[in-house]
Amino acid sequence: MLQRNKLSKINNAIKKKEQGLEHIKNEKEKQANNMLNACENIMNAFINDVEAQKGKKVPGELADEWIETANMIINHLDTTIETQI
């Protein structure tokens, strides 16, 4: 159940990213920024949640993998935003 909840958060963030990219294609800068910022906020909340549960409800190595993946998504967002400016 715990992992399903985490996966749901990641999927929600990815949807926001995809919506943001679609807005970029349609030259809707404000909407794109809103979606990409929402994605980054979800990823940061996810990281905080995983760090809080690391070694308790989430095994250490798994937590590290999840955090690394979330950071990769955030880095991709930052690159996407910089590319569009």
C-alpha atoms as a PDB file:
ATOM      1  CA  MET A   1       0.000   0.000   0.000  1.00  0.00           C
ATOM      2  CA  LEU A   2       2.772   2.410   0.918  1.00  0.00           C
ATOM      3  CA  GLN A   3       4.571   1.891  -2.380  1.00  0.00           C
ATOM      4  CA  ARG A   4       1.334   2.311  -4.336  1.00  0.00           C
ATOM      5  CA  ASN A   5       0.807   5.675  -2.634  1.00  0.00           C
ATOM      6  CA  LYS A   6       4.318   6.776  -3.561  1.00  0.00           C
ATOM      7  CA  LEU A   7       3.859   5.610  -7.147  1.00  0.00           C
ATOM      8  CA  SER A   8       0.611   7.574  -7.341  1.00  0.00           C
ATOM      9  CA  LYS A   9       2.462  10.754  -6.337  1.00  0.00           C
ATOM     10  CA  ILE A  10       5.128  10.157  -8.978  1.00  0.00           C
ATOM     11  CA  ASN A  11       2.481   9.517 -11.642  1.00  0.00           C
ATOM     12  CA  ASN A  12       0.665  12.716 -10.676  1.00  0.00           C
ATOM     13  CA  ALA A  13       3.883  14.686 -10.979  1.00  0.00           C
ATOM     14  CA  ILE A  14       4.633  13.165 -14.386  1.00  0.00           C
ATOM     15  CA  LYS A  15       1.149  14.129 -15.616  1.00  0.00           C
ATOM     16  CA  LYS A  16       1.763  17.711 -14.498  1.00  0.00           C
ATOM     17  CA  LYS A  17       5.089  17.694 -16.354  1.00  0.00           C
ATOM     18  CA  GLU A  18       3.438  16.367 -19.516  1.00  0.00           C
ATOM     19  CA  GLN A  19       0.733  19.020 -19.275  1.00  0.00           C
ATOM     20  CA  GLY A  20       3.417  21.664 -18.834  1.00  0.00           C
ATOM     21  CA  LEU A  21       5.260  20.463 -21.922  1.00  0.00           C
ATOM     22  CA  GLU A  22       2.028  20.515 -23.915  1.00  0.00           C
ATOM     23  CA  HIS A  23       1.449  24.118 -22.828  1.00  0.00           C
ATOM     24  CA  ILE A  24       4.984  24.971 -23.953  1.00  0.00           C
ATOM     25  CA  LYS A  25       4.202  23.559 -27.397  1.00  0.00           C
ATOM     26  CA  ASN A  26       1.061  25.683 -27.489  1.00  0.00           C
ATOM     27  CA  GLU A  27       3.011  28.766 -26.350  1.00  0.00           C
ATOM     28  CA  LYS A  28       1.018  29.089 -23.132  1.00  0.00           C
ATOM     29  CA  GLU A  29       3.868  30.185 -20.883  1.00  0.00           C
ATOM     30  CA  LYS A  30       1.868  30.917 -17.717  1.00  0.00           C
ATOM     31  CA  GLN A  31       0.053  27.577 -17.803  1.00  0.00           C
ATOM     32  CA  ALA A  32       3.309  25.764 -18.576  1.00  0.00           C
ATOM     33  CA  ASN A  33       5.055  27.374 -15.626  1.00  0.00           C
ATOM     34  CA  ASN A  34       2.141  26.502 -13.347  1.00  0.00           C
ATOM     35  CA  MET A  35       2.222  22.829 -14.343  1.00  0.00           C
ATOM     36  CA  LEU A  36       6.012  22.523 -14.153  1.00  0.00           C
ATOM     37  CA  ASN A  37       6.067  24.257 -10.770  1.00  0.00           C
ATOM     38  CA  ALA A  38       3.312  21.939  -9.537  1.00  0.00           C
ATOM     39  CA  CYS A  39       5.368  18.965 -10.652  1.00  0.00           C
ATOM     40  CA  GLU A  40       8.447  20.231  -8.841  1.00  0.00           C
ATOM     41  CA  ASN A  41       6.413  20.904  -5.687  1.00  0.00           C
ATOM     42  CA  ILE A  42       5.021  17.367  -5.757  1.00  0.00           C
ATOM     43  CA  MET A  43       8.519  15.948  -6.171  1.00  0.00           C
ATOM     44  CA  ASN A  44       9.889  18.009  -3.288  1.00  0.00           C
ATOM     45  CA  ALA A  45       7.009  16.913  -1.047  1.00  0.00           C
ATOM     46  CA  PHE A  46       7.638  13.330  -2.129  1.00  0.00           C
ATOM     47  CA  ILE A  47      11.323  13.608  -1.204  1.00  0.00           C
ATOM     48  CA  ASN A  48      10.460  15.050   2.203  1.00  0.00           C
ATOM     49  CA  ASP A  49       7.935  12.279   2.805  1.00  0.00           C
ATOM     50  CA  VAL A  50      10.380   9.531   1.824  1.00  0.00           C
ATOM     51  CA  GLU A  51      13.171  11.030   3.922  1.00  0.00           C
ATOM     52  CA  ALA A  52      10.846  11.111   6.930  1.00  0.00           C
ATOM     53  CA  GLN A  53       9.986   7.427   6.454  1.00  0.00           C
ATOM     54  CA  LYS A  54      13.484   6.237   5.503  1.00  0.00           C
ATOM     55  CA  GLY A  55      14.550   3.341   7.680  1.00  0.00           C
ATOM     56  CA  LYS A  56      11.091   3.118   9.231  1.00  0.00           C
ATOM     57  CA  LYS A  57       8.378   2.381   6.700  1.00  0.00           C
ATOM     58  CA  VAL A  58      10.685   2.599   3.679  1.00  0.00           C
ATOM     59  CA  PRO A  59      13.924   0.575   3.595  1.00  0.00           C
ATOM     60  CA  GLY A  60      17.019   2.781   3.302  1.00  0.00           C
ATOM     61  CA  GLU A  61      18.181   1.628  -0.134  1.00  0.00           C
ATOM     62  CA  LEU A  62      14.687   1.897  -1.607  1.00  0.00           C
ATOM     63  CA  ALA A  63      14.287   5.375  -0.123  1.00  0.00           C
ATOM     64  CA  ASP A  64      17.587   6.427  -1.680  1.00  0.00           C
ATOM     65  CA  GLU A  65      16.459   5.130  -5.089  1.00  0.00           C
ATOM     66  CA  TRP A  66      13.149   6.971  -4.854  1.00  0.00           C
ATOM     67  CA  ILE A  67      14.860  10.185  -3.804  1.00  0.00           C
ATOM     68  CA  GLU A  68      17.367   9.880  -6.638  1.00  0.00           C
ATOM     69  CA  THR A  69      14.542   9.381  -9.152  1.00  0.00           C
ATOM     70  CA  ALA A  70      12.638  12.376  -7.808  1.00  0.00           C
ATOM     71  CA  ASN A  71      15.775  14.522  -8.030  1.00  0.00           C
ATOM     72  CA  MET A  72      16.290  13.410 -11.634  1.00  0.00           C
ATOM     73  CA  ILE A  73      12.740  14.548 -12.457  1.00  0.00           C
ATOM     74  CA  ILE A  74      13.380  17.911 -10.771  1.00  0.00           C
ATOM     75  CA  ASN A  75      16.650  18.322 -12.705  1.00  0.00           C
ATOM     76  CA  HIS A  76      14.802  17.530 -15.941  1.00  0.00           C
ATOM     77  CA  LEU A  77      12.204  20.167 -15.080  1.00  0.00           C
ATOM     78  CA  ASP A  78      14.895  22.742 -14.417  1.00  0.00           C
ATOM     79  CA  THR A  79      16.520  21.934 -17.761  1.00  0.00           C
ATOM     80  CA  THR A  80      13.153  22.117 -19.538  1.00  0.00           C
ATOM     81  CA  ILE A  81      12.356  25.505 -18.029  1.00  0.00           C
ATOM     82  CA  GLU A  82      15.828  26.900 -18.856  1.00  0.00           C
ATOM     83  CA  THR A  83      15.573  25.638 -22.443  1.00  0.00           C
ATOM     84  CA  GLN A  84      12.259  27.386 -22.994  1.00  0.00           C
ATOM     85  CA  ILE A  85      13.394  30.804 -21.738  1.00  0.00           C
END
